Amino acid sequence: MTERAQSTSTERALRLGTRRSKLAMAQSGHVAEAVRRLTGRPVELVEITTYGDTSREHLAQIGGTGVFVTALREALLAGEVDFAVHSLKDLPTAQPDDLVLAAVPLREDPRDVLVARDGLTLDRLPDGARVGTGSPRRMAQLNAYARDHGLRIETVAIRGNVDTRIGYVRSGELDAVVLAAAGLNRIGRIDEATDFLSPDTVLPAPGQGALAIECPAADAALAAVLAQLDHEHTRAAVTAERSLLAALEAGCSAPVGALAEVLPGGEDVHEMRLRGVVGTTDGSTLVQLSTTGPVPTPHDGAVALGRELAAEMLAKGAAGLMGERAL
């Protein structure tokens, strides 16, 4: 990406719609700076409050899907903002015809992390440790890990921003909380993580660590500019993950984890490994499978990879596991 030689500062500022949270503002700020460099135009952040920000209910209770997205999309369609930045894991899998996912930039670390008292790691948590998370996906995998390793932990449903969640640990109310590594990194607090959870232990949410830049489909010129921020392998990976989620007919509050990774290969040969997991929140039953194939550069290839793995998971009983506390 090269910075435009001439200044176009006389053009009006591009309006970037963003949630108001510290994390959303940080990640939108990074995108705004990239768009400024790309276009030479000023970019103004427009703060928008979503239903997910105002509701105090747990995401599993209010459905999860779209609760952080709908208000931003309405602002786009009303012409109140020119483009919007979302955490990609919050996007519903169905893309509206009048909006385009113009870019998926290079993904941050997709893993989950533990923030625990006394610098504890997952395998060092004391008997009966209380671990906070608002995610049925994390609950399912943490409880399964505990059962497999002879640990006794209690997963506690929590909500709130990063400060609130880490505050439960600092106050002694909880022994640990689980957060996304990407979020902590983007707000400069990754040093507070006491353990990085391997995807072999906890698969992240589909799209976790990636951002989505969305604009009206009618603004083809802006979509073409924003497309320069797209990262090909990240786009392929999250497309496969979201295809799996869609084929399982699950929303972002369901206990589904997925991660697609480009594996090292020869100079021109790459493979992609897609892993998926569905489980009951008590960890008693998990369906966890993977598939590997050539990196699917066309969109349809990534979609097919996700559907293929979803079909295998459904055949192994995944559908019967997603209803538990997913609504």
C-alpha atoms as a PDB file:
ATOM      1  CA  MET A   1       0.000   0.000   0.000  1.00  0.00           C
ATOM      2  CA  THR A   2       1.385   3.378  -1.019  1.00  0.00           C
ATOM      3  CA  GLU A   3       0.411   6.762   0.289  1.00  0.00           C
ATOM      4  CA  ARG A   4      -1.169   9.050  -2.289  1.00  0.00           C
ATOM      5  CA  ALA A   5       1.240  11.703  -3.476  1.00  0.00           C
ATOM      6  CA  GLN A   6      -1.239  14.550  -3.727  1.00  0.00           C
ATOM      7  CA  SER A   7      -3.344  15.906  -0.902  1.00  0.00           C
ATOM      8  CA  THR A   8      -7.108  15.875  -1.283  1.00  0.00           C
ATOM      9  CA  SER A   9      -7.781  17.581   2.032  1.00  0.00           C
ATOM     10  CA  THR A  10     -10.389  19.827   0.364  1.00  0.00           C
ATOM     11  CA  GLU A  11     -12.685  16.798  -0.003  1.00  0.00           C
ATOM     12  CA  ARG A  12     -15.138  16.208   2.830  1.00  0.00           C
ATOM     13  CA  ALA A  13     -14.175  13.791   5.552  1.00  0.00           C
ATOM     14  CA  LEU A  14     -15.189  10.171   5.175  1.00  0.00           C
ATOM     15  CA  ARG A  15     -17.463   9.166   8.056  1.00  0.00           C
ATOM     16  CA  LEU A  16     -16.553   5.868   9.727  1.00  0.00           C
ATOM     17  CA  GLY A  17     -19.287   4.332  11.879  1.00  0.00           C
ATOM     18  CA  THR A  18     -18.074   2.591  15.024  1.00  0.00           C
ATOM     19  CA  ARG A  19     -19.351   1.335  18.347  1.00  0.00           C
ATOM     20  CA  ARG A  20     -18.457   3.504  21.346  1.00  0.00           C
ATOM     21  CA  SER A  21     -16.461   0.969  23.356  1.00  0.00           C
ATOM     22  CA  LYS A  22     -12.757   1.519  23.976  1.00  0.00           C
ATOM     23  CA  LEU A  23     -11.918  -1.566  21.919  1.00  0.00           C
ATOM     24  CA  ALA A  24     -14.173  -0.607  19.001  1.00  0.00           C
ATOM     25  CA  MET A  25     -12.760   2.916  18.946  1.00  0.00           C
ATOM     26  CA  ALA A  26      -9.203   1.576  18.963  1.00  0.00           C
ATOM     27  CA  GLN A  27      -9.714  -0.833  16.093  1.00  0.00           C
ATOM     28  CA  SER A  28     -11.726   1.712  14.103  1.00  0.00           C
ATOM     29  CA  GLY A  29      -8.944   4.226  14.679  1.00  0.00           C
ATOM     30  CA  HIS A  30      -6.425   1.838  13.090  1.00  0.00           C
ATOM     31  CA  VAL A  31      -8.680   1.436  10.043  1.00  0.00           C
ATOM     32  CA  ALA A  32      -9.287   5.178   9.840  1.00  0.00           C
ATOM     33  CA  GLU A  33      -5.542   5.827   9.707  1.00  0.00           C
ATOM     34  CA  ALA A  34      -5.098   3.212   6.962  1.00  0.00           C
ATOM     35  CA  VAL A  35      -7.899   4.824   4.912  1.00  0.00           C
ATOM     36  CA  ARG A  36      -6.370   8.289   5.426  1.00  0.00           C
ATOM     37  CA  ARG A  37      -3.055   7.026   4.062  1.00  0.00           C
ATOM     38  CA  LEU A  38      -4.795   5.328   1.172  1.00  0.00           C
ATOM     39  CA  THR A  39      -7.025   8.197   0.077  1.00  0.00           C
ATOM     40  CA  GLY A  40      -5.406  11.356   1.415  1.00  0.00           C
ATOM     41  CA  ARG A  41      -8.828  12.280   2.825  1.00  0.00           C
ATOM     42  CA  PRO A  42      -9.643  12.950   6.476  1.00  0.00           C
ATOM     43  CA  VAL A  43     -11.668  10.242   8.241  1.00  0.00           C
ATOM     44  CA  GLU A  44     -14.085  11.123  11.036  1.00  0.00           C
ATOM     45  CA  LEU A  45     -15.188   8.542  13.604  1.00  0.00           C
ATOM     46  CA  VAL A  46     -18.947   8.569  14.180  1.00  0.00           C
ATOM     47  CA  GLU A  47     -19.883   6.847  17.439  1.00  0.00           C
ATOM     48  CA  ILE A  48     -23.038   4.718  17.321  1.00  0.00           C
ATOM     49  CA  THR A  49     -24.681   2.902  20.223  1.00  0.00           C
ATOM     50  CA  THR A  50     -25.906  -0.617  19.446  1.00  0.00           C
ATOM     51  CA  TYR A  51     -28.478  -2.766  21.240  1.00  0.00           C
ATOM     52  CA  GLY A  52     -25.689  -5.050  22.418  1.00  0.00           C
ATOM     53  CA  ASP A  53     -24.055  -2.082  24.152  1.00  0.00           C
ATOM     54  CA  THR A  54     -27.167  -1.004  26.060  1.00  0.00           C
ATOM     55  CA  SER A  55     -28.689  -4.366  26.998  1.00  0.00           C
ATOM     56  CA  ARG A  56     -27.482  -5.867  30.250  1.00  0.00           C
ATOM     57  CA  GLU A  57     -28.726  -9.345  29.377  1.00  0.00           C
ATOM     58  CA  HIS A  58     -26.274 -12.062  28.469  1.00  0.00           C
ATOM     59  CA  LEU A  59     -25.670 -12.407  24.736  1.00  0.00           C
ATOM     60  CA  ALA A  60     -27.035 -15.953  24.714  1.00  0.00           C
ATOM     61  CA  GLN A  61     -30.335 -14.587  26.062  1.00  0.00           C
ATOM     62  CA  ILE A  62     -30.728 -11.758  23.528  1.00  0.00           C
ATOM     63  CA  GLY A  63     -29.720 -13.955  20.600  1.00  0.00           C
ATOM     64  CA  GLY A  64     -26.209 -12.636  20.003  1.00  0.00           C
ATOM     65  CA  THR A  65     -26.464 -12.482  16.225  1.00  0.00           C
ATOM     66  CA  GLY A  66     -26.419  -8.896  14.987  1.00  0.00           C
ATOM     67  CA  VAL A  67     -26.859  -7.151  18.342  1.00  0.00           C
ATOM     68  CA  PHE A  68     -23.621  -5.182  17.862  1.00  0.00           C
ATOM     69  CA  VAL A  69     -24.153  -4.695  14.119  1.00  0.00           C
ATOM     70  CA  THR A  70     -27.731  -3.664  13.289  1.00  0.00           C
ATOM     71  CA  ALA A  71     -27.474  -0.009  14.352  1.00  0.00           C
ATOM     72  CA  LEU A  72     -24.255   0.449  12.359  1.00  0.00           C
ATOM     73  CA  ARG A  73     -25.859  -1.070   9.278  1.00  0.00           C
ATOM     74  CA  GLU A  74     -28.916   1.159   9.657  1.00  0.00           C
ATOM     75  CA  ALA A  75     -26.606   4.203   9.791  1.00  0.00           C
ATOM     76  CA  LEU A  76     -24.898   3.048   6.592  1.00  0.00           C
ATOM     77  CA  LEU A  77     -28.176   2.613   4.748  1.00  0.00           C
ATOM     78  CA  ALA A  78     -29.482   5.959   6.026  1.00  0.00           C
ATOM     79  CA  GLY A  79     -26.385   7.727   4.686  1.00  0.00           C
ATOM     80  CA  GLU A  80     -25.314   8.835   8.165  1.00  0.00           C
ATOM     81  CA  VAL A  81     -21.888   7.175   7.737  1.00  0.00           C
ATOM     82  CA  ASP A  82     -19.901   6.172   4.653  1.00  0.00           C
ATOM     83  CA  PHE A  83     -18.438   2.925   5.958  1.00  0.00           C
ATOM     84  CA  ALA A  84     -18.342   0.955   9.191  1.00  0.00           C
ATOM     85  CA  VAL A  85     -15.917  -1.269  11.067  1.00  0.00           C
ATOM     86  CA  HIS A  86     -17.140  -4.369  12.905  1.00  0.00           C
ATOM     87  CA  SER A  87     -15.499  -7.177  14.814  1.00  0.00           C
ATOM     88  CA  LEU A  88     -16.061  -9.814  12.170  1.00  0.00           C
ATOM     89  CA  LYS A  89     -17.161 -12.422  14.690  1.00  0.00           C
ATOM     90  CA  ASP A  90     -20.187 -10.207  15.458  1.00  0.00           C
ATOM     91  CA  LEU A  91     -21.475 -10.195  11.857  1.00  0.00           C
ATOM     92  CA  PRO A  92     -24.455 -12.399  10.986  1.00  0.00           C
ATOM     93  CA  THR A  93     -23.451 -14.936   8.332  1.00  0.00           C
ATOM     94  CA  ALA A  94     -26.018 -13.668   5.806  1.00  0.00           C
ATOM     95  CA  GLN A  95     -24.729 -10.584   3.961  1.00  0.00           C
ATOM     96  CA  PRO A  96     -27.416  -7.996   3.024  1.00  0.00           C
ATOM     97  CA  ASP A  97     -27.632  -7.290  -0.722  1.00  0.00           C
ATOM     98  CA  ASP A  98     -27.434  -3.516  -0.210  1.00  0.00           C
ATOM     99  CA  LEU A  99     -24.186  -3.684   1.790  1.00  0.00           C
ATOM    100  CA  VAL A 100     -20.809  -5.062   0.759  1.00  0.00           C
ATOM    101  CA  LEU A 101     -18.051  -6.533   2.907  1.00  0.00           C
ATOM    102  CA  ALA A 102     -15.432  -4.400   1.196  1.00  0.00           C
ATOM    103  CA  ALA A 103     -12.364  -5.575   3.133  1.00  0.00           C
ATOM    104  CA  VAL A 104     -11.155  -8.015   5.750  1.00  0.00           C
ATOM    105  CA  PRO A 105      -7.702  -6.744   6.795  1.00  0.00           C
ATOM    106  CA  LEU A 106      -4.873  -8.938   8.069  1.00  0.00           C
ATOM    107  CA  ARG A 107      -6.081 -10.855  11.085  1.00  0.00           C
ATOM    108  CA  GLU A 108      -4.786 -10.324  14.598  1.00  0.00           C
ATOM    109  CA  ASP A 109      -4.014 -13.261  16.918  1.00  0.00           C
ATOM    110  CA  PRO A 110      -7.266 -15.304  16.906  1.00  0.00           C
ATOM    111  CA  ARG A 111      -6.603 -17.088  20.217  1.00  0.00           C
ATOM    112  CA  ASP A 112      -8.330 -16.659  23.547  1.00  0.00           C
ATOM    113  CA  VAL A 113      -6.305 -15.710  26.598  1.00  0.00           C
ATOM    114  CA  LEU A 114      -6.674 -16.186  30.333  1.00  0.00           C
ATOM    115  CA  VAL A 115      -6.334 -13.251  32.711  1.00  0.00           C
ATOM    116  CA  ALA A 116      -5.967 -14.859  36.131  1.00  0.00           C
ATOM    117  CA  ARG A 117      -4.988 -13.855  39.638  1.00  0.00           C
ATOM    118  CA  ASP A 118      -1.407 -14.431  40.744  1.00  0.00           C
ATOM    119  CA  GLY A 119      -0.249 -15.025  37.162  1.00  0.00           C
ATOM    120  CA  LEU A 120      -1.962 -18.419  37.011  1.00  0.00           C
ATOM    121  CA  THR A 121      -2.179 -20.432  33.798  1.00  0.00           C
ATOM    122  CA  LEU A 122      -5.112 -22.666  32.867  1.00  0.00           C
ATOM    123  CA  ASP A 123      -3.420 -25.852  34.051  1.00  0.00           C
ATOM    124  CA  ARG A 124      -2.486 -24.206  37.376  1.00  0.00           C
ATOM    125  CA  LEU A 125      -5.946 -23.004  38.368  1.00  0.00           C
ATOM    126  CA  PRO A 126      -6.869 -24.163  41.879  1.00  0.00           C
ATOM    127  CA  ASP A 127      -9.573 -26.711  42.572  1.00  0.00           C
ATOM    128  CA  GLY A 128     -12.974 -25.033  42.301  1.00  0.00           C
ATOM    129  CA  ALA A 129     -11.641 -21.981  40.456  1.00  0.00           C
ATOM    130  CA  ARG A 130     -14.300 -19.574  39.185  1.00  0.00           C
ATOM    131  CA  VAL A 131     -13.673 -18.604  35.552  1.00  0.00           C
ATOM    132  CA  GLY A 132     -15.717 -15.838  33.953  1.00  0.00           C
ATOM    133  CA  THR A 133     -16.829 -15.709  30.325  1.00  0.00           C
ATOM    134  CA  GLY A 134     -19.912 -14.612  28.423  1.00  0.00           C
ATOM    135  CA  SER A 135     -19.405 -17.230  25.726  1.00  0.00           C
ATOM    136  CA  PRO A 136     -21.112 -20.669  25.629  1.00  0.00           C
ATOM    137  CA  ARG A 137     -18.337 -21.702  23.195  1.00  0.00           C
ATOM    138  CA  ARG A 138     -15.661 -20.985  25.771  1.00  0.00           C
ATOM    139  CA  MET A 139     -17.685 -22.616  28.547  1.00  0.00           C
ATOM    140  CA  ALA A 140     -18.071 -25.830  26.545  1.00  0.00           C
ATOM    141  CA  GLN A 141     -14.376 -26.146  25.782  1.00  0.00           C
ATOM    142  CA  LEU A 142     -13.086 -25.025  29.178  1.00  0.00           C
ATOM    143  CA  ASN A 143     -15.353 -27.497  30.946  1.00  0.00           C
ATOM    144  CA  ALA A 144     -14.310 -30.258  28.553  1.00  0.00           C
ATOM    145  CA  TYR A 145     -10.634 -29.450  29.213  1.00  0.00           C
ATOM    146  CA  ALA A 146     -11.238 -29.553  32.962  1.00  0.00           C
ATOM    147  CA  ARG A 147     -12.986 -32.930  32.737  1.00  0.00           C
ATOM    148  CA  ASP A 148     -10.180 -34.383  30.598  1.00  0.00           C
ATOM    149  CA  HIS A 149      -7.479 -33.144  32.987  1.00  0.00           C
ATOM    150  CA  GLY A 150      -9.126 -33.956  36.294  1.00  0.00           C
ATOM    151  CA  LEU A 151      -9.721 -30.311  37.202  1.00  0.00           C
ATOM    152  CA  ARG A 152     -12.778 -28.837  38.866  1.00  0.00           C
ATOM    153  CA  ILE A 153     -13.679 -25.357  37.695  1.00  0.00           C
ATOM    154  CA  GLU A 154     -16.866 -23.315  37.675  1.00  0.00           C
ATOM    155  CA  THR A 155     -17.577 -21.264  34.556  1.00  0.00           C
ATOM    156  CA  VAL A 156     -19.468 -18.076  35.430  1.00  0.00           C
ATOM    157  CA  ALA A 157     -21.492 -16.097  32.867  1.00  0.00           C
ATOM    158  CA  ILE A 158     -20.382 -12.451  32.774  1.00  0.00           C
ATOM    159  CA  ARG A 159     -20.780  -9.394  30.551  1.00  0.00           C
ATOM    160  CA  GLY A 160     -19.122  -6.004  30.343  1.00  0.00           C
ATOM    161  CA  ASN A 161     -16.130  -4.296  28.783  1.00  0.00           C
ATOM    162  CA  VAL A 162     -12.521  -5.300  29.316  1.00  0.00           C
ATOM    163  CA  ASP A 163     -12.151  -3.171  32.443  1.00  0.00           C
ATOM    164  CA  THR A 164     -15.280  -4.686  33.988  1.00  0.00           C
ATOM    165  CA  ARG A 165     -14.256  -8.261  33.220  1.00  0.00           C
ATOM    166  CA  ILE A 166     -10.692  -7.928  34.447  1.00  0.00           C
ATOM    167  CA  GLY A 167     -12.070  -6.063  37.450  1.00  0.00           C
ATOM    168  CA  TYR A 168     -13.805  -9.260  38.584  1.00  0.00           C
ATOM    169  CA  VAL A 169     -10.348 -10.839  38.908  1.00  0.00           C
ATOM    170  CA  ARG A 170      -8.706  -7.849  40.558  1.00  0.00           C
ATOM    171  CA  SER A 171     -11.506  -7.706  43.164  1.00  0.00           C
ATOM    172  CA  GLY A 172     -11.228 -11.422  43.927  1.00  0.00           C
ATOM    173  CA  GLU A 173     -14.782 -12.177  42.785  1.00  0.00           C
ATOM    174  CA  LEU A 174     -13.382 -14.487  40.087  1.00  0.00           C
ATOM    175  CA  ASP A 175     -10.131 -16.397  39.810  1.00  0.00           C
ATOM    176  CA  ALA A 176      -9.820 -15.772  36.069  1.00  0.00           C
ATOM    177  CA  VAL A 177     -11.603 -14.471  32.989  1.00  0.00           C
ATOM    178  CA  VAL A 178     -11.212 -15.475  29.352  1.00  0.00           C
ATOM    179  CA  LEU A 179     -10.877 -12.764  26.705  1.00  0.00           C
ATOM    180  CA  ALA A 180      -9.835 -12.502  23.054  1.00  0.00           C
ATOM    181  CA  ALA A 181      -6.125 -11.894  22.557  1.00  0.00           C
ATOM    182  CA  ALA A 182      -6.834  -9.541  19.636  1.00  0.00           C
ATOM    183  CA  GLY A 183      -8.935  -7.219  21.768  1.00  0.00           C
ATOM    184  CA  LEU A 184      -6.351  -6.928  24.524  1.00  0.00           C
ATOM    185  CA  ASN A 185      -3.624  -6.378  21.967  1.00  0.00           C
ATOM    186  CA  ARG A 186      -5.520  -3.620  20.168  1.00  0.00           C
ATOM    187  CA  ILE A 187      -5.980  -1.623  23.371  1.00  0.00           C
ATOM    188  CA  GLY A 188      -2.392  -2.179  24.495  1.00  0.00           C
ATOM    189  CA  ARG A 189      -3.165  -4.525  27.418  1.00  0.00           C
ATOM    190  CA  ILE A 190      -1.947  -7.883  26.152  1.00  0.00           C
ATOM    191  CA  ASP A 191       0.674  -7.955  28.940  1.00  0.00           C
ATOM    192  CA  GLU A 192      -2.170  -8.616  31.393  1.00  0.00           C
ATOM    193  CA  ALA A 193      -2.788 -12.038  29.839  1.00  0.00           C
ATOM    194  CA  THR A 194      -1.420 -14.818  32.064  1.00  0.00           C
ATOM    195  CA  ASP A 195      -1.937 -17.650  29.552  1.00  0.00           C
ATOM    196  CA  PHE A 196      -2.503 -17.917  25.804  1.00  0.00           C
ATOM    197  CA  LEU A 197      -4.983 -20.726  25.161  1.00  0.00           C
ATOM    198  CA  SER A 198      -3.909 -22.976  22.309  1.00  0.00           C
ATOM    199  CA  PRO A 199      -6.565 -23.654  19.654  1.00  0.00           C
ATOM    200  CA  ASP A 200      -5.984 -27.313  20.536  1.00  0.00           C
ATOM    201  CA  THR A 201      -7.570 -26.448  23.899  1.00  0.00           C
ATOM    202  CA  VAL A 202     -10.069 -23.727  22.982  1.00  0.00           C
ATOM    203  CA  LEU A 203     -10.977 -23.035  19.361  1.00  0.00           C
ATOM    204  CA  PRO A 204     -11.862 -19.361  18.874  1.00  0.00           C
ATOM    205  CA  ALA A 205     -15.148 -18.003  17.565  1.00  0.00           C
ATOM    206  CA  PRO A 206     -15.507 -17.981  13.767  1.00  0.00           C
ATOM    207  CA  GLY A 207     -13.856 -14.782  12.543  1.00  0.00           C
ATOM    208  CA  GLN A 208     -12.266 -13.954  15.909  1.00  0.00           C
ATOM    209  CA  GLY A 209      -9.357 -11.535  15.619  1.00  0.00           C
ATOM    210  CA  ALA A 210     -10.496 -10.232  12.220  1.00  0.00           C
ATOM    211  CA  LEU A 211     -12.170  -6.934  11.344  1.00  0.00           C
ATOM    212  CA  ALA A 212     -14.890  -6.346   8.758  1.00  0.00           C
ATOM    213  CA  ILE A 213     -15.058  -3.101   6.772  1.00  0.00           C
ATOM    214  CA  GLU A 214     -18.529  -2.630   5.310  1.00  0.00           C
ATOM    215  CA  CYS A 215     -20.000   0.025   3.011  1.00  0.00           C
ATOM    216  CA  PRO A 216     -23.107   0.489   0.846  1.00  0.00           C
ATOM    217  CA  ALA A 217     -23.039  -1.681  -2.266  1.00  0.00           C
ATOM    218  CA  ALA A 218     -24.162   1.355  -4.277  1.00  0.00           C
ATOM    219  CA  ASP A 219     -20.887   3.175  -3.512  1.00  0.00           C
ATOM    220  CA  ALA A 220     -18.723   1.152  -5.870  1.00  0.00           C
ATOM    221  CA  ALA A 221     -15.917   3.729  -5.858  1.00  0.00           C
ATOM    222  CA  LEU A 222     -15.519   3.634  -2.068  1.00  0.00           C
ATOM    223  CA  ALA A 223     -15.811  -0.168  -2.041  1.00  0.00           C
ATOM    224  CA  ALA A 224     -12.971  -0.382  -4.570  1.00  0.00           C
ATOM    225  CA  VAL A 225     -10.746   1.857  -2.425  1.00  0.00           C
ATOM    226  CA  LEU A 226     -11.498  -0.054   0.773  1.00  0.00           C
ATOM    227  CA  ALA A 227     -10.846  -3.360  -1.027  1.00  0.00           C
ATOM    228  CA  GLN A 228      -7.164  -2.419  -1.099  1.00  0.00           C
ATOM    229  CA  LEU A 229      -7.110  -3.133   2.660  1.00  0.00           C
ATOM    230  CA  ASP A 230      -8.276  -6.712   2.094  1.00  0.00           C
ATOM    231  CA  HIS A 231      -5.933  -9.581   3.062  1.00  0.00           C
ATOM    232  CA  GLU A 232      -6.447 -12.568   0.783  1.00  0.00           C
ATOM    233  CA  HIS A 233      -5.590 -15.386   3.181  1.00  0.00           C
ATOM    234  CA  THR A 234      -7.511 -13.804   6.054  1.00  0.00           C
ATOM    235  CA  ARG A 235     -10.556 -13.392   3.803  1.00  0.00           C
ATOM    236  CA  ALA A 236     -10.345 -17.050   2.732  1.00  0.00           C
ATOM    237  CA  ALA A 237      -9.959 -18.269   6.323  1.00  0.00           C
ATOM    238  CA  VAL A 238     -12.860 -16.317   7.806  1.00  0.00           C
ATOM    239  CA  THR A 239     -15.076 -17.159   4.826  1.00  0.00           C
ATOM    240  CA  ALA A 240     -14.517 -20.866   5.506  1.00  0.00           C
ATOM    241  CA  GLU A 241     -15.167 -20.408   9.236  1.00  0.00           C
ATOM    242  CA  ARG A 242     -18.366 -18.432   8.671  1.00  0.00           C
ATOM    243  CA  SER A 243     -19.537 -20.907   6.047  1.00  0.00           C
ATOM    244  CA  LEU A 244     -19.202 -23.646   8.667  1.00  0.00           C
ATOM    245  CA  LEU A 245     -21.208 -21.541  11.136  1.00  0.00           C
ATOM    246  CA  ALA A 246     -23.927 -20.829   8.570  1.00  0.00           C
ATOM    247  CA  ALA A 247     -24.199 -24.477   7.512  1.00  0.00           C
ATOM    248  CA  LEU A 248     -24.604 -25.470  11.158  1.00  0.00           C
ATOM    249  CA  GLU A 249     -27.413 -22.876  11.269  1.00  0.00           C
ATOM    250  CA  ALA A 250     -25.877 -21.416  14.410  1.00  0.00           C
ATOM    251  CA  GLY A 251     -25.586 -17.815  15.555  1.00  0.00           C
ATOM    252  CA  CYS A 252     -22.640 -16.108  17.203  1.00  0.00           C
ATOM    253  CA  SER A 253     -24.009 -16.985  20.666  1.00  0.00           C
ATOM    254  CA  ALA A 254     -24.046 -20.741  19.951  1.00  0.00           C
ATOM    255  CA  PRO A 255     -21.260 -22.945  21.389  1.00  0.00           C
ATOM    256  CA  VAL A 256     -19.407 -23.205  18.053  1.00  0.00           C
ATOM    257  CA  GLY A 257     -15.677 -22.700  17.559  1.00  0.00           C
ATOM    258  CA  ALA A 258     -13.841 -22.629  14.242  1.00  0.00           C
ATOM    259  CA  LEU A 259     -10.396 -21.750  12.958  1.00  0.00           C
ATOM    260  CA  ALA A 260      -8.967 -21.918   9.446  1.00  0.00           C
ATOM    261  CA  GLU A 261      -5.209 -21.609   9.073  1.00  0.00           C
ATOM    262  CA  VAL A 262      -2.932 -21.534   6.054  1.00  0.00           C
ATOM    263  CA  LEU A 263      -0.305 -24.214   6.587  1.00  0.00           C
ATOM    264  CA  PRO A 264       3.319 -23.770   5.512  1.00  0.00           C
ATOM    265  CA  GLY A 265       4.089 -25.397   2.181  1.00  0.00           C
ATOM    266  CA  GLY A 266       6.330 -25.116  -0.817  1.00  0.00           C
ATOM    267  CA  GLU A 267       7.023 -21.897  -2.658  1.00  0.00           C
ATOM    268  CA  ASP A 268       3.683 -21.854  -4.473  1.00  0.00           C
ATOM    269  CA  VAL A 269       1.771 -24.588  -2.648  1.00  0.00           C
ATOM    270  CA  HIS A 270      -0.303 -23.855   0.410  1.00  0.00           C
ATOM    271  CA  GLU A 271      -2.945 -25.814   2.249  1.00  0.00           C
ATOM    272  CA  MET A 272      -5.665 -24.627   4.574  1.00  0.00           C
ATOM    273  CA  ARG A 273      -6.718 -26.536   7.660  1.00  0.00           C
ATOM    274  CA  LEU A 274     -10.211 -25.860   8.976  1.00  0.00           C
ATOM    275  CA  ARG A 275     -11.133 -27.033  12.474  1.00  0.00           C
ATOM    276  CA  GLY A 276     -14.562 -26.873  14.054  1.00  0.00           C
ATOM    277  CA  VAL A 277     -16.091 -27.733  17.420  1.00  0.00           C
ATOM    278  CA  VAL A 278     -19.594 -27.841  18.858  1.00  0.00           C
ATOM    279  CA  GLY A 279     -20.286 -28.828  22.447  1.00  0.00           C
ATOM    280  CA  THR A 280     -22.648 -28.744  25.371  1.00  0.00           C
ATOM    281  CA  THR A 281     -21.768 -25.937  27.762  1.00  0.00           C
ATOM    282  CA  ASP A 282     -21.059 -28.366  30.602  1.00  0.00           C
ATOM    283  CA  GLY A 283     -18.284 -29.883  28.480  1.00  0.00           C
ATOM    284  CA  SER A 284     -19.714 -33.402  28.689  1.00  0.00           C
ATOM    285  CA  THR A 285     -19.980 -33.812  24.905  1.00  0.00           C
ATOM    286  CA  LEU A 286     -17.943 -32.270  22.093  1.00  0.00           C
ATOM    287  CA  VAL A 287     -17.986 -32.868  18.346  1.00  0.00           C
ATOM    288  CA  GLN A 288     -14.604 -31.704  17.057  1.00  0.00           C
ATOM    289  CA  LEU A 289     -13.421 -32.381  13.500  1.00  0.00           C
ATOM    290  CA  SER A 290     -11.059 -30.911  10.921  1.00  0.00           C
ATOM    291  CA  THR A 291     -10.456 -30.981   7.193  1.00  0.00           C
ATOM    292  CA  THR A 292      -7.525 -29.901   5.031  1.00  0.00           C
ATOM    293  CA  GLY A 293      -7.385 -28.829   1.421  1.00  0.00           C
ATOM    294  CA  PRO A 294      -5.759 -26.382  -1.002  1.00  0.00           C
ATOM    295  CA  VAL A 295      -6.074 -22.731   0.001  1.00  0.00           C
ATOM    296  CA  PRO A 296      -9.449 -21.757  -1.468  1.00  0.00           C
ATOM    297  CA  THR A 297      -8.696 -18.443  -3.167  1.00  0.00           C
ATOM    298  CA  PRO A 298     -12.092 -18.156  -4.896  1.00  0.00           C
ATOM    299  CA  HIS A 299     -14.903 -17.274  -2.498  1.00  0.00           C
ATOM    300  CA  ASP A 300     -16.897 -20.346  -3.516  1.00  0.00           C
ATOM    301  CA  GLY A 301     -14.010 -22.642  -2.588  1.00  0.00           C
ATOM    302  CA  ALA A 302     -13.865 -21.316   0.975  1.00  0.00           C
ATOM    303  CA  VAL A 303     -17.629 -21.628   1.317  1.00  0.00           C
ATOM    304  CA  ALA A 304     -17.468 -25.230   0.099  1.00  0.00           C
ATOM    305  CA  LEU A 305     -14.745 -26.090   2.626  1.00  0.00           C
ATOM    306  CA  GLY A 306     -16.880 -24.814   5.496  1.00  0.00           C
ATOM    307  CA  ARG A 307     -19.979 -26.635   4.292  1.00  0.00           C
ATOM    308  CA  GLU A 308     -18.047 -29.865   3.881  1.00  0.00           C
ATOM    309  CA  LEU A 309     -16.829 -29.829   7.486  1.00  0.00           C
ATOM    310  CA  ALA A 310     -20.243 -28.759   8.781  1.00  0.00           C
ATOM    311  CA  ALA A 311     -21.853 -31.733   7.046  1.00  0.00           C
ATOM    312  CA  GLU A 312     -19.394 -34.091   8.734  1.00  0.00           C
ATOM    313  CA  MET A 313     -20.050 -32.485  12.123  1.00  0.00           C
ATOM    314  CA  LEU A 314     -23.816 -32.703  11.683  1.00  0.00           C
ATOM    315  CA  ALA A 315     -23.456 -36.371  10.774  1.00  0.00           C
ATOM    316  CA  LYS A 316     -21.610 -36.848  14.076  1.00  0.00           C
ATOM    317  CA  GLY A 317     -24.454 -35.306  16.085  1.00  0.00           C
ATOM    318  CA  ALA A 318     -23.539 -31.602  16.230  1.00  0.00           C
ATOM    319  CA  ALA A 319     -27.120 -30.424  15.690  1.00  0.00           C
ATOM    320  CA  GLY A 320     -28.251 -31.954  18.967  1.00  0.00           C
ATOM    321  CA  LEU A 321     -25.591 -30.078  20.934  1.00  0.00           C
ATOM    322  CA  MET A 322     -26.208 -26.517  19.775  1.00  0.00           C
ATOM    323  CA  GLY A 323     -29.593 -26.079  21.395  1.00  0.00           C
ATOM    324  CA  GLU A 324     -28.257 -26.176  24.947  1.00  0.00           C
ATOM    325  CA  ARG A 325     -28.167 -22.603  26.265  1.00  0.00           C
ATOM    326  CA  ALA A 326     -27.566 -21.285  22.755  1.00  0.00           C
ATOM    327  CA  LEU A 327     -30.767 -19.245  22.683  1.00  0.00           C
END
